[in-house]
PDB file of N, CA and C in Angstrom:
ATOM      1  N   MET A   1     123.595  98.889  83.540  1.00  0.00           N
ATOM      2  CA  MET A   1     123.099  99.418  84.019  1.00  0.00           C
ATOM      3  C   MET A   1     121.804 100.212  83.961  1.00  0.00           C
ATOM      4  N   SER A   2     121.078 101.450  84.782  1.00  0.00           N
ATOM      5  CA  SER A   2     119.891 101.940  84.826  1.00  0.00           C
ATOM      6  C   SER A   2     119.641 103.166  84.733  1.00  0.00           C
ATOM      7  N   THR A   3     118.710 103.476  84.010  1.00  0.00           N
ATOM      8  CA  THR A   3     118.474 104.907  84.174  1.00  0.00           C
ATOM      9  C   THR A   3     117.880 105.816  84.943  1.00  0.00           C
ATOM     10  N   GLY A   4     117.348 104.891  86.014  1.00  0.00           N
ATOM     11  CA  GLY A   4     117.009 105.711  86.827  1.00  0.00           C
ATOM     12  C   GLY A   4     115.568 106.475  86.684  1.00  0.00           C
ATOM     13  N   ALA A   5     114.405 105.848  85.468  1.00  0.00           N
ATOM     14  CA  ALA A   5     113.646 106.781  85.166  1.00  0.00           C
ATOM     15  C   ALA A   5     112.455 105.903  86.192  1.00  0.00           C
ATOM     16  N   ASP A   6     111.466 106.576  86.817  1.00  0.00           N
ATOM     17  CA  ASP A   6     110.120 106.001  86.893  1.00  0.00           C
ATOM     18  C   ASP A   6     109.463 105.315  86.244  1.00  0.00           C
ATOM     19  N   CYS A   7     108.726 104.510  86.853  1.00  0.00           N
ATOM     20  CA  CYS A   7     108.166 103.604  85.911  1.00  0.00           C
ATOM     21  C   CYS A   7     107.043 102.704  86.925  1.00  0.00           C
ATOM     22  N   THR A   8     105.822 102.725  86.289  1.00  0.00           N
ATOM     23  CA  THR A   8     104.484 101.933  86.723  1.00  0.00           C
ATOM     24  C   THR A   8     103.888 101.203  85.729  1.00  0.00           C
ATOM     25  N   PHE A   9     103.490 100.244  86.061  1.00  0.00           N
ATOM     26  CA  PHE A   9     102.482  98.990  85.207  1.00  0.00           C
ATOM     27  C   PHE A   9     101.376  99.323  86.375  1.00  0.00           C
ATOM     28  N   TYR A  10     100.546  98.659  85.668  1.00  0.00           N
ATOM     29  CA  TYR A  10      99.353  99.065  85.898  1.00  0.00           C
ATOM     30  C   TYR A  10      98.331  98.471  85.282  1.00  0.00           C
ATOM     31  N   GLU A  11      96.969  97.637  85.992  1.00  0.00           N
ATOM     32  CA  GLU A  11      95.563  97.125  85.412  1.00  0.00           C
ATOM     33  C   GLU A  11      94.842  97.540  85.302  1.00  0.00           C
ATOM     34  N   LYS A  12      94.260  98.412  83.984  1.00  0.00           N
ATOM     35  CA  LYS A  12      93.020  99.271  83.722  1.00  0.00           C
ATOM     36  C   LYS A  12      91.620  98.357  84.319  1.00  0.00           C
ATOM     37  N   THR A  13      91.249  97.619  83.505  1.00  0.00           N
ATOM     38  CA  THR A  13      90.485  96.397  83.680  1.00  0.00           C
ATOM     39  C   THR A  13      91.079  94.980  83.212  1.00  0.00           C
ATOM     40  N   PRO A  14      90.496  94.148  83.665  1.00  0.00           N
ATOM     41  CA  PRO A  14      91.053  92.396  83.621  1.00  0.00           C
ATOM     42  C   PRO A  14      91.834  91.964  82.633  1.00  0.00           C
ATOM     43  N   ARG A  15      93.146  92.039  82.505  1.00  0.00           N
ATOM     44  CA  ARG A  15      93.778  91.970  81.155  1.00  0.00           C
ATOM     45  C   ARG A  15      93.938  92.891  80.391  1.00  0.00           C
ATOM     46  N   GLN A  16      93.750  94.112  80.817  1.00  0.00           N
ATOM     47  CA  GLN A  16      94.464  94.987  79.915  1.00  0.00           C
ATOM     48  C   GLN A  16      95.665  96.066  80.482  1.00  0.00           C
ATOM     49  N   TRP A  17      96.849  95.568  80.396  1.00  0.00           N
ATOM     50  CA  TRP A  17      97.987  96.231  81.241  1.00  0.00           C
ATOM     51  C   TRP A  17      98.201  97.597  80.509  1.00  0.00           C
ATOM     52  N   PHE A  18      98.912  98.549  81.228  1.00  0.00           N
ATOM     53  CA  PHE A  18      99.835  99.234  80.773  1.00  0.00           C
ATOM     54  C   PHE A  18     101.000  99.760  81.559  1.00  0.00           C
ATOM     55  N   TYR A  19     101.570 100.252  80.838  1.00  0.00           N
ATOM     56  CA  TYR A  19     103.016 101.103  81.910  1.00  0.00           C
ATOM     57  C   TYR A  19     103.070 102.626  81.362  1.00  0.00           C
ATOM     58  N   ASP A  20     103.499 103.464  82.468  1.00  0.00           N
ATOM     59  CA  ASP A  20     104.070 104.836  82.034  1.00  0.00           C
ATOM     60  C   ASP A  20     105.396 104.683  82.671  1.00  0.00           C
ATOM     61  N   LEU A  21     106.106 105.239  81.398  1.00  0.00           N
ATOM     62  CA  LEU A  21     107.453 105.449  81.275  1.00  0.00           C
ATOM     63  C   LEU A  21     108.228 106.341  81.778  1.00  0.00           C
ATOM     64  N   GLN A  22     108.344 107.333  82.675  1.00  0.00           N
ATOM     65  CA  GLN A  22     109.396 109.077  82.846  1.00  0.00           C
ATOM     66  C   GLN A  22     109.765 109.423  81.167  1.00  0.00           C
ATOM     67  N   GLN A  23     110.249 110.349  81.063  1.00  0.00           N
ATOM     68  CA  GLN A  23     110.474 110.742  79.497  1.00  0.00           C
ATOM     69  C   GLN A  23     111.785 111.802  80.434  1.00  0.00           C
ATOM     70  N   TRP A  24     113.206 111.457  79.328  1.00  0.00           N
ATOM     71  CA  TRP A  24     114.055 112.094  79.957  1.00  0.00           C
ATOM     72  C   TRP A  24     113.919 114.107  79.621  1.00  0.00           C
ATOM     73  N   PRO A  25     114.698 114.433  80.494  1.00  0.00           N
ATOM     74  CA  PRO A  25     115.713 114.020  81.740  1.00  0.00           C
ATOM     75  C   PRO A  25     115.125 112.993  82.958  1.00  0.00           C
ATOM     76  N   TYR A  26     115.694 111.633  83.153  1.00  0.00           N
ATOM     77  CA  TYR A  26     114.824 111.149  84.219  1.00  0.00           C
ATOM     78  C   TYR A  26     115.044 111.801  85.632  1.00  0.00           C
ATOM     79  N   GLY A  27     114.278 112.098  86.310  1.00  0.00           N
ATOM     80  CA  GLY A  27     113.758 112.324  87.355  1.00  0.00           C
ATOM     81  C   GLY A  27     113.785 113.664  87.580  1.00  0.00           C
ATOM     82  N   ASP A  28     113.642 114.348  86.283  1.00  0.00           N
ATOM     83  CA  ASP A  28     113.339 116.155  86.690  1.00  0.00           C
ATOM     84  C   ASP A  28     111.998 116.149  85.579  1.00  0.00           C
ATOM     85  N   SER A  29     111.767 115.435  84.697  1.00  0.00           N
ATOM     86  CA  SER A  29     110.900 115.219  83.410  1.00  0.00           C
ATOM     87  C   SER A  29     109.286 115.469  84.492  1.00  0.00           C
ATOM     88  N   GLU A  30     108.237 115.299  84.182  1.00  0.00           N
ATOM     89  CA  GLU A  30     107.489 115.139  84.651  1.00  0.00           C
ATOM     90  C   GLU A  30     106.389 114.690  83.679  1.00  0.00           C
ATOM     91  N   ASP A  31     106.709 114.364  82.439  1.00  0.00           N
ATOM     92  CA  ASP A  31     106.008 114.102  81.694  1.00  0.00           C
ATOM     93  C   ASP A  31     106.447 112.160  81.587  1.00  0.00           C
ATOM     94  N   TYR A  32     105.525 111.809  80.633  1.00  0.00           N
ATOM     95  CA  TYR A  32     105.126 110.305  81.275  1.00  0.00           C
ATOM     96  C   TYR A  32     104.873 110.061  79.554  1.00  0.00           C
ATOM     97  N   ASP A  33     105.730 108.742  78.685  1.00  0.00           N
ATOM     98  CA  ASP A  33     104.817 107.577  77.912  1.00  0.00           C
ATOM     99  C   ASP A  33     103.752 106.913  77.759  1.00  0.00           C
ATOM    100  N   THR A  34     103.106 106.209  77.676  1.00  0.00           N
ATOM    101  CA  THR A  34     102.103 105.489  78.149  1.00  0.00           C
ATOM    102  C   THR A  34     102.137 104.247  77.110  1.00  0.00           C
ATOM    103  N   PHE A  35     102.735 103.408  77.492  1.00  0.00           N
ATOM    104  CA  PHE A  35     102.529 101.491  76.405  1.00  0.00           C
ATOM    105  C   PHE A  35     101.360 101.073  76.625  1.00  0.00           C
ATOM    106  N   GLY A  36     100.529 100.340  75.443  1.00  0.00           N
ATOM    107  CA  GLY A  36      99.471  99.509  76.075  1.00  0.00           C
ATOM    108  C   GLY A  36      98.613  99.734  74.950  1.00  0.00           C
ATOM    109  N   PRO A  37      97.682  98.832  75.209  1.00  0.00           N
ATOM    110  CA  PRO A  37      97.387  97.719  76.565  1.00  0.00           C
ATOM    111  C   PRO A  37      97.764  96.013  76.315  1.00  0.00           C
ATOM    112  N   PHE A  38      98.107  95.658  77.131  1.00  0.00           N
ATOM    113  CA  PHE A  38      99.019  94.151  77.006  1.00  0.00           C
ATOM    114  C   PHE A  38      97.691  93.412  77.893  1.00  0.00           C
ATOM    115  N   THR A  39      98.325  91.941  77.624  1.00  0.00           N
ATOM    116  CA  THR A  39      96.614  91.417  78.022  1.00  0.00           C
ATOM    117  C   THR A  39      97.592  90.669  79.536  1.00  0.00           C
ATOM    118  N   THR A  40      98.734  90.690  79.718  1.00  0.00           N
ATOM    119  CA  THR A  40      99.168  90.127  81.068  1.00  0.00           C
ATOM    120  C   THR A  40     100.098  91.222  81.218  1.00  0.00           C
ATOM    121  N   PHE A  41     100.925  91.608  83.133  1.00  0.00           N
ATOM    122  CA  PHE A  41     102.029  91.822  83.305  1.00  0.00           C
ATOM    123  C   PHE A  41     103.048  91.222  82.551  1.00  0.00           C
ATOM    124  N   GLU A  42     102.948  90.075  82.657  1.00  0.00           N
ATOM    125  CA  GLU A  42     104.371  89.691  81.880  1.00  0.00           C
ATOM    126  C   GLU A  42     104.549  90.097  80.250  1.00  0.00           C
ATOM    127  N   GLU A  43     103.743  90.698  79.664  1.00  0.00           N
ATOM    128  CA  GLU A  43     103.531  91.075  78.295  1.00  0.00           C
ATOM    129  C   GLU A  43     104.115  91.891  78.567  1.00  0.00           C
ATOM    130  N   ALA A  44     103.463  92.873  78.899  1.00  0.00           N
ATOM    131  CA  ALA A  44     103.978  94.245  79.531  1.00  0.00           C
ATOM    132  C   ALA A  44     105.370  94.441  79.894  1.00  0.00           C
ATOM    133  N   GLU A  45     106.101  93.799  80.770  1.00  0.00           N
ATOM    134  CA  GLU A  45     107.625  93.690  80.963  1.00  0.00           C
ATOM    135  C   GLU A  45     108.377  93.425  80.164  1.00  0.00           C
ATOM    136  N   THR A  46     107.879  92.517  79.200  1.00  0.00           N
ATOM    137  CA  THR A  46     108.904  91.954  78.146  1.00  0.00           C
ATOM    138  C   THR A  46     108.980  93.138  76.950  1.00  0.00           C
ATOM    139  N   HIS A  47     107.622  93.750  76.832  1.00  0.00           N
ATOM    140  CA  HIS A  47     107.927  94.599  76.160  1.00  0.00           C
ATOM    141  C   HIS A  47     108.716  95.905  76.690  1.00  0.00           C
ATOM    142  N   LEU A  48     108.639  96.218  77.765  1.00  0.00           N
ATOM    143  CA  LEU A  48     109.630  97.150  78.365  1.00  0.00           C
ATOM    144  C   LEU A  48     111.258  96.599  77.930  1.00  0.00           C
ATOM    145  N   ARG A  49     111.157  95.539  78.692  1.00  0.00           N
ATOM    146  CA  ARG A  49     112.886  95.147  78.415  1.00  0.00           C
ATOM    147  C   ARG A  49     113.363  95.196  77.111  1.00  0.00           C
ATOM    148  N   ASN A  50     112.572  94.647  76.021  1.00  0.00           N
ATOM    149  CA  ASN A  50     112.604  94.854  74.436  1.00  0.00           C
ATOM    150  C   ASN A  50     112.629  96.187  73.694  1.00  0.00           C
ATOM    151  N   THR A  51     111.927  97.390  74.697  1.00  0.00           N
ATOM    152  CA  THR A  51     111.798  98.304  73.663  1.00  0.00           C
ATOM    153  C   THR A  51     113.146  99.471  74.402  1.00  0.00           C
ATOM    154  N   HIS A  52     113.163  99.687  75.410  1.00  0.00           N
ATOM    155  CA  HIS A  52     113.482 100.657  76.620  1.00  0.00           C
ATOM    156  C   HIS A  52     114.854 100.286  77.037  1.00  0.00           C
ATOM    157  N   ALA A  53     115.359 101.077  77.188  1.00  0.00           N
ATOM    158  CA  ALA A  53     116.260 100.989  78.420  1.00  0.00           C
ATOM    159  C   ALA A  53     116.058 100.685  79.907  1.00  0.00           C
ATOM    160  N   ASN A  54     116.556  99.920  80.913  1.00  0.00           N
ATOM    161  CA  ASN A  54     116.717  99.327  81.909  1.00  0.00           C
ATOM    162  C   ASN A  54     116.469 100.565  82.595  1.00  0.00           C
ATOM    163  N   PRO A  55     115.012 101.000  83.404  1.00  0.00           N
ATOM    164  CA  PRO A  55     114.516 101.693  84.068  1.00  0.00           C
ATOM    165  C   PRO A  55     115.312 101.826  85.809  1.00  0.00           C
ATOM    166  N   GLY A  56     115.653 100.534  85.716  1.00  0.00           N
ATOM    167  CA  GLY A  56     116.201 100.096  87.409  1.00  0.00           C
ATOM    168  C   GLY A  56     115.163  99.295  88.894  1.00  0.00           C
ATOM    169  N   GLY A  57     114.183  99.835  88.006  1.00  0.00           N
ATOM    170  CA  GLY A  57     113.018  98.956  89.088  1.00  0.00           C
ATOM    171  C   GLY A  57     111.721  99.682  88.519  1.00  0.00           C
ATOM    172  N   PHE A  58     110.479  99.366  88.887  1.00  0.00           N
ATOM    173  CA  PHE A  58     109.107 100.186  88.923  1.00  0.00           C
ATOM    174  C   PHE A  58     107.860  99.229  89.849  1.00  0.00           C
ATOM    175  N   SER A  59     107.066 100.196  89.478  1.00  0.00           N
ATOM    176  CA  SER A  59     106.071  99.351  90.822  1.00  0.00           C
ATOM    177  C   SER A  59     105.278  98.954  90.042  1.00  0.00           C
ATOM    178  N   ILE A  60     104.490  98.222  90.651  1.00  0.00           N
ATOM    179  CA  ILE A  60     102.976  97.092  90.058  1.00  0.00           C
ATOM    180  C   ILE A  60     101.907  97.391  90.436  1.00  0.00           C
ATOM    181  N   ASN A  61     100.900  97.783  89.907  1.00  0.00           N
ATOM    182  CA  ASN A  61      99.329  98.047  90.100  1.00  0.00           C
ATOM    183  C   ASN A  61      98.690  97.280  89.375  1.00  0.00           C
ATOM    184  N   PRO A  62      98.348  95.775  89.969  1.00  0.00           N
ATOM    185  CA  PRO A  62      97.112  94.734  89.739  1.00  0.00           C
ATOM    186  C   PRO A  62      95.957  95.378  90.464  1.00  0.00           C
ATOM    187  N   LEU A  63      94.975  94.599  89.152  1.00  0.00           N
ATOM    188  CA  LEU A  63      93.500  94.575  89.518  1.00  0.00           C
ATOM    189  C   LEU A  63      93.306  93.657  90.915  1.00  0.00           C
ATOM    190  N   PRO A  64      92.791  93.479  92.268  1.00  0.00           N
ATOM    191  CA  PRO A  64      92.180  92.574  93.261  1.00  0.00           C
ATOM    192  C   PRO A  64      91.992  91.453  92.452  1.00  0.00           C
ATOM    193  N   ASN A  65      92.098  90.236  93.300  1.00  0.00           N
ATOM    194  CA  ASN A  65      91.190  89.276  92.865  1.00  0.00           C
ATOM    195  C   ASN A  65      92.303  87.920  91.515  1.00  0.00           C
ATOM    196  N   CYS A  66      93.638  88.194  91.707  1.00  0.00           N
ATOM    197  CA  CYS A  66      94.213  87.705  90.516  1.00  0.00           C
ATOM    198  C   CYS A  66      93.861  86.309  91.158  1.00  0.00           C
ATOM    199  N   PRO A  67      93.666  85.339  89.297  1.00  0.00           N
ATOM    200  CA  PRO A  67      93.932  83.526  89.844  1.00  0.00           C
ATOM    201  C   PRO A  67      95.318  82.963  90.064  1.00  0.00           C
ATOM    202  N   HIS A  68      96.363  83.932  89.732  1.00  0.00           N
ATOM    203  CA  HIS A  68      97.577  83.540  89.676  1.00  0.00           C
ATOM    204  C   HIS A  68      98.335  82.933  88.897  1.00  0.00           C
ATOM    205  N   ASP A  69      99.172  83.010  88.312  1.00  0.00           N
ATOM    206  CA  ASP A  69      98.862  81.444  87.063  1.00  0.00           C
ATOM    207  C   ASP A  69     100.953  82.081  87.421  1.00  0.00           C
ATOM    208  N   PHE A  70     101.318  81.053  87.949  1.00  0.00           N
ATOM    209  CA  PHE A  70     102.832  81.101  88.513  1.00  0.00           C
ATOM    210  C   PHE A  70     103.633  80.858  87.269  1.00  0.00           C
ATOM    211  N   LYS A  71     104.724  81.498  87.424  1.00  0.00           N
ATOM    212  CA  LYS A  71     105.801  80.508  86.589  1.00  0.00           C
ATOM    213  C   LYS A  71     106.641  80.776  87.331  1.00  0.00           C
ATOM    214  N   LYS A  72     107.954  79.573  87.164  1.00  0.00           N
ATOM    215  CA  LYS A  72     109.354  79.661  88.449  1.00  0.00           C
ATOM    216  C   LYS A  72     110.405  80.173  87.489  1.00  0.00           C
ATOM    217  N   ASN A  73     111.045  81.364  88.177  1.00  0.00           N
ATOM    218  CA  ASN A  73     112.300  82.134  87.842  1.00  0.00           C
ATOM    219  C   ASN A  73     113.449  81.811  88.968  1.00  0.00           C
ATOM    220  N   ARG A  74     114.613  81.650  88.177  1.00  0.00           N
ATOM    221  CA  ARG A  74     115.980  81.371  88.985  1.00  0.00           C
ATOM    222  C   ARG A  74     116.489  82.892  89.541  1.00  0.00           C
ATOM    223  N   THR A  75     116.835  83.213  90.671  1.00  0.00           N
ATOM    224  CA  THR A  75     117.131  84.950  90.756  1.00  0.00           C
ATOM    225  C   THR A  75     118.649  84.402  90.835  1.00  0.00           C
ATOM    226  N   PHE A  76     119.415  85.722  90.524  1.00  0.00           N
ATOM    227  CA  PHE A  76     121.062  85.451  90.648  1.00  0.00           C
ATOM    228  C   PHE A  76     121.497  85.346  92.213  1.00  0.00           C
ATOM    229  N   ASP A  77     120.254  85.255  93.163  1.00  0.00           N
ATOM    230  CA  ASP A  77     121.179  85.037  94.202  1.00  0.00           C
ATOM    231  C   ASP A  77     120.461  83.773  94.566  1.00  0.00           C
ATOM    232  N   ARG A  78     120.414  82.838  94.158  1.00  0.00           N
ATOM    233  CA  ARG A  78     119.882  81.504  94.013  1.00  0.00           C
ATOM    234  C   ARG A  78     118.837  81.104  94.584  1.00  0.00           C
ATOM    235  N   ILE A  79     117.561  81.907  95.185  1.00  0.00           N
ATOM    236  CA  ILE A  79     116.556  81.691  95.519  1.00  0.00           C
ATOM    237  C   ILE A  79     115.590  81.219  94.072  1.00  0.00           C
ATOM    238  N   TYR A  80     115.019  80.131  94.672  1.00  0.00           N
ATOM    239  CA  TYR A  80     113.694  79.825  93.955  1.00  0.00           C
ATOM    240  C   TYR A  80     112.740  81.156  94.188  1.00  0.00           C
ATOM    241  N   GLN A  81     112.497  81.938  92.808  1.00  0.00           N
ATOM    242  CA  GLN A  81     111.021  82.731  93.265  1.00  0.00           C
ATOM    243  C   GLN A  81     109.924  82.014  92.150  1.00  0.00           C
ATOM    244  N   PHE A  82     108.783  82.234  92.591  1.00  0.00           N
ATOM    245  CA  PHE A  82     107.349  82.373  92.322  1.00  0.00           C
ATOM    246  C   PHE A  82     106.920  83.693  91.743  1.00  0.00           C
ATOM    247  N   GLU A  83     106.688  84.188  90.306  1.00  0.00           N
ATOM    248  CA  GLU A  83     106.535  85.444  89.911  1.00  0.00           C
ATOM    249  C   GLU A  83     104.687  84.474  88.919  1.00  0.00           C
ATOM    250  N   CYS A  84     103.419  85.474  89.016  1.00  0.00           N
ATOM    251  CA  CYS A  84     102.535  85.642  88.103  1.00  0.00           C
ATOM    252  C   CYS A  84     102.650  86.055  86.876  1.00  0.00           C
ATOM    253  N   ARG A  85     102.223  85.388  86.004  1.00  0.00           N
ATOM    254  CA  ARG A  85     102.416  86.000  84.890  1.00  0.00           C
ATOM    255  C   ARG A  85     101.012  87.420  84.472  1.00  0.00           C
ATOM    256  N   GLN A  86     100.510  86.697  85.306  1.00  0.00           N
ATOM    257  CA  GLN A  86      99.097  87.976  84.882  1.00  0.00           C
ATOM    258  C   GLN A  86      99.058  89.143  85.593  1.00  0.00           C
ATOM    259  N   CYS A  87      99.577  88.944  87.343  1.00  0.00           N
ATOM    260  CA  CYS A  87      99.574  90.172  87.935  1.00  0.00           C
ATOM    261  C   CYS A  87     100.770  90.725  88.187  1.00  0.00           C
ATOM    262  N   GLY A  88     101.955  89.872  88.392  1.00  0.00           N
ATOM    263  CA  GLY A  88     103.235  90.315  88.600  1.00  0.00           C
ATOM    264  C   GLY A  88     103.791  89.880  90.063  1.00  0.00           C
ATOM    265  N   ASP A  89     102.535  89.619  90.883  1.00  0.00           N
ATOM    266  CA  ASP A  89     103.328  88.983  92.019  1.00  0.00           C
ATOM    267  C   ASP A  89     103.903  88.079  92.391  1.00  0.00           C
ATOM    268  N   LEU A  90     104.790  87.901  93.523  1.00  0.00           N
ATOM    269  CA  LEU A  90     105.880  87.274  94.032  1.00  0.00           C
ATOM    270  C   LEU A  90     105.414  85.883  95.092  1.00  0.00           C
ATOM    271  N   LEU A  91     105.922  85.012  94.860  1.00  0.00           N
ATOM    272  CA  LEU A  91     105.934  84.078  95.997  1.00  0.00           C
ATOM    273  C   LEU A  91     107.139  83.461  96.695  1.00  0.00           C
ATOM    274  N   PHE A  92     107.719  83.484  97.294  1.00  0.00           N
ATOM    275  CA  PHE A  92     108.734  82.436  97.554  1.00  0.00           C
ATOM    276  C   PHE A  92     108.999  81.429  97.993  1.00  0.00           C
ATOM    277  N   SER A  93     109.843  80.683  97.796  1.00  0.00           N
ATOM    278  CA  SER A  93     109.779  78.972  98.515  1.00  0.00           C
ATOM    279  C   SER A  93     110.931  79.179  99.286  1.00  0.00           C
TER     280      SER A  93
END
């Protein structure tokens, strides 16, 4: 189950990732907590998963021109996807 909190990941400078997570009450609060820096999107997303309740979705704002360090993930709909550890971009096969 997700909380519905607003969440945005962003890269301020190369290899400096942060995320802003909306404070309670979700949907009504204009206040956010900021977490980071992390060296990759993957580290930031792992921190969110291990530290907070599932917000239910998020936006990703990487800097342009990532060199793409892909890993292969198996999704629950049985489609293989590749996700960049650095910037979070997806490439579906």
